[in-house]
Amino acid sequence: MYARVATANKDIEPEIECVDPTTAKSAGFGELRGGLLVEGLSMQWCRQLMKEEKGVLAEIGVHIGFQCAVGMNGRVWVDASDIGKTILVARAIKEAEGLRGDEIRKMVRGLVLRS
């Protein structure tokens, strides 16, 4: 993912815009609207979320369709079809930190069955 800084001010958090690196004009993907911002994740966990092909994001995707943007600042934005599913996805991402394959599958299935 590529981004450019849209607004930077010492008194507020910077605002970035996602851009498409394949177009000459750097067309924007647009603002992340709706959804939920998960904060307080380690940068190591965020790197792992971006790399894993069979990690927690893939396991959640088996049960729930969602969109996700992972930042290298300890934040992840998620949006599913409704707020309940969005919260479930956010909770799974937070709770999966430090777990391994089988533990992740068990935790995600437990969350999905309880919802």
Protein backbone atom coordinates (compact mmCIF):
# COMPACT_ATOMS: atom_id res chain seq x y z
CA MET A 1 0.00 0.00 0.00
CA TYR A 2 1.24 3.45 -0.83
CA ALA A 3 0.08 6.63 0.83
CA ARG A 4 0.79 10.32 0.81
CA VAL A 5 0.49 12.76 3.67
CA ALA A 6 -2.57 14.96 3.06
CA THR A 7 -2.45 17.01 6.27
CA ALA A 8 0.29 17.44 8.83
CA ASN A 9 0.04 19.70 11.85
CA LYS A 10 1.79 19.49 15.20
CA ASP A 11 -1.53 19.82 17.06
CA ILE A 12 -3.45 17.01 15.33
CA GLU A 13 -2.73 13.55 13.98
CA PRO A 14 -1.51 13.46 10.39
CA GLU A 15 -4.01 12.54 7.68
CA ILE A 16 -2.90 10.26 4.87
CA GLU A 17 -4.47 9.27 1.58
CA CYS A 18 -4.01 5.88 0.00
CA VAL A 19 -2.80 6.04 -3.59
CA ASP A 20 -2.51 3.64 -6.48
CA PRO A 21 1.21 3.31 -7.37
CA THR A 22 0.41 1.84 -10.81
CA THR A 23 -1.16 4.99 -12.28
CA ALA A 24 0.82 7.96 -13.48
CA LYS A 25 -1.55 10.38 -11.78
CA SER A 26 -1.47 8.59 -8.40
CA ALA A 27 -5.23 8.22 -8.31
CA GLY A 28 -6.49 8.02 -4.73
CA PHE A 29 -8.30 4.99 -3.37
CA GLY A 30 -10.28 7.27 -1.14
CA GLU A 31 -10.94 7.83 2.50
CA LEU A 32 -11.51 4.90 4.85
CA ARG A 33 -15.13 5.52 5.86
CA GLY A 34 -17.15 3.67 8.43
CA GLY A 35 -15.66 0.61 9.98
CA LEU A 36 -13.62 0.48 13.15
CA LEU A 37 -10.05 1.44 13.97
CA VAL A 38 -8.21 -1.11 16.12
CA GLU A 39 -5.41 0.57 18.03
CA GLY A 40 -2.66 -0.53 20.37
CA LEU A 41 -1.29 -3.42 18.31
CA SER A 42 2.44 -4.02 18.18
CA MET A 43 4.29 -3.09 15.01
CA GLN A 44 5.59 -6.67 14.87
CA TRP A 45 2.00 -7.97 14.85
CA CYS A 46 1.05 -5.52 12.08
CA ARG A 47 3.99 -6.72 9.97
CA GLN A 48 2.91 -10.30 10.56
CA LEU A 49 -0.69 -9.50 9.57
CA MET A 50 0.54 -8.13 6.24
CA LYS A 51 2.79 -11.12 5.52
CA GLU A 52 0.72 -14.11 6.59
CA GLU A 53 -1.25 -15.90 3.90
CA LYS A 54 -2.86 -18.34 6.31
CA GLY A 55 -3.07 -16.23 9.44
CA VAL A 56 -5.91 -14.71 11.41
CA LEU A 57 -7.16 -12.51 8.54
CA ALA A 58 -7.52 -15.52 6.24
CA GLU A 59 -9.24 -17.55 8.99
CA ILE A 60 -11.72 -14.76 9.71
CA GLY A 61 -12.33 -14.42 5.95
CA VAL A 62 -13.54 -18.03 5.83
CA HIS A 63 -16.48 -17.03 8.05
CA ILE A 64 -17.01 -13.28 7.46
CA GLY A 65 -16.44 -11.00 4.48
CA PHE A 66 -14.60 -7.82 5.46
CA GLN A 67 -12.23 -5.10 4.31
CA CYS A 68 -9.03 -4.36 6.15
CA ALA A 69 -6.17 -1.85 6.04
CA VAL A 70 -3.11 -2.60 8.16
CA GLY A 71 -0.87 0.27 9.18
CA MET A 72 2.69 0.09 10.43
CA ASN A 73 1.71 2.35 13.31
CA GLY A 74 -0.04 -0.29 15.42
CA ARG A 75 -3.45 0.42 13.89
CA VAL A 76 -5.74 -1.69 11.74
CA TRP A 77 -8.95 -0.46 10.11
CA VAL A 78 -11.67 -3.07 9.53
CA ASP A 79 -15.15 -2.92 8.02
CA ALA A 80 -17.59 -5.82 7.64
CA SER A 81 -21.21 -5.71 6.48
CA ASP A 82 -22.55 -4.64 9.89
CA ILE A 83 -21.22 -3.31 13.20
CA GLY A 84 -21.51 -6.66 15.01
CA LYS A 85 -19.37 -8.42 12.42
CA THR A 86 -16.93 -5.51 12.33
CA ILE A 87 -16.47 -5.71 16.10
CA LEU A 88 -15.99 -9.49 15.87
CA VAL A 89 -13.24 -9.06 13.25
CA ALA A 90 -11.53 -6.36 15.35
CA ARG A 91 -11.70 -8.53 18.45
CA ALA A 92 -10.24 -11.53 16.61
CA ILE A 93 -7.33 -9.44 15.34
CA LYS A 94 -6.54 -8.18 18.86
CA GLU A 95 -6.93 -11.59 20.54
CA ALA A 96 -4.88 -13.46 17.92
CA GLU A 97 -1.67 -11.57 18.66
CA GLY A 98 0.83 -14.11 19.98
CA LEU A 99 -1.25 -17.17 18.99
CA ARG A 100 -0.22 -19.87 16.51
CA GLY A 101 -2.14 -21.56 13.66
CA ASP A 102 -4.34 -24.05 15.53
CA GLU A 103 -4.90 -21.63 18.40
CA ILE A 104 -6.01 -18.93 15.95
CA ARG A 105 -8.47 -21.28 14.20
CA LYS A 106 -9.97 -22.35 17.53
CA MET A 107 -10.28 -18.76 18.78
CA VAL A 108 -11.90 -17.49 15.54
CA ARG A 109 -14.37 -20.38 15.42
CA GLY A 110 -15.29 -19.75 19.06
CA LEU A 111 -15.94 -16.07 18.35
CA VAL A 112 -18.03 -16.86 15.28
CA LEU A 113 -20.13 -19.48 17.09
CA ARG A 114 -20.86 -17.06 19.95
CA SER A 115 -22.03 -14.32 17.59
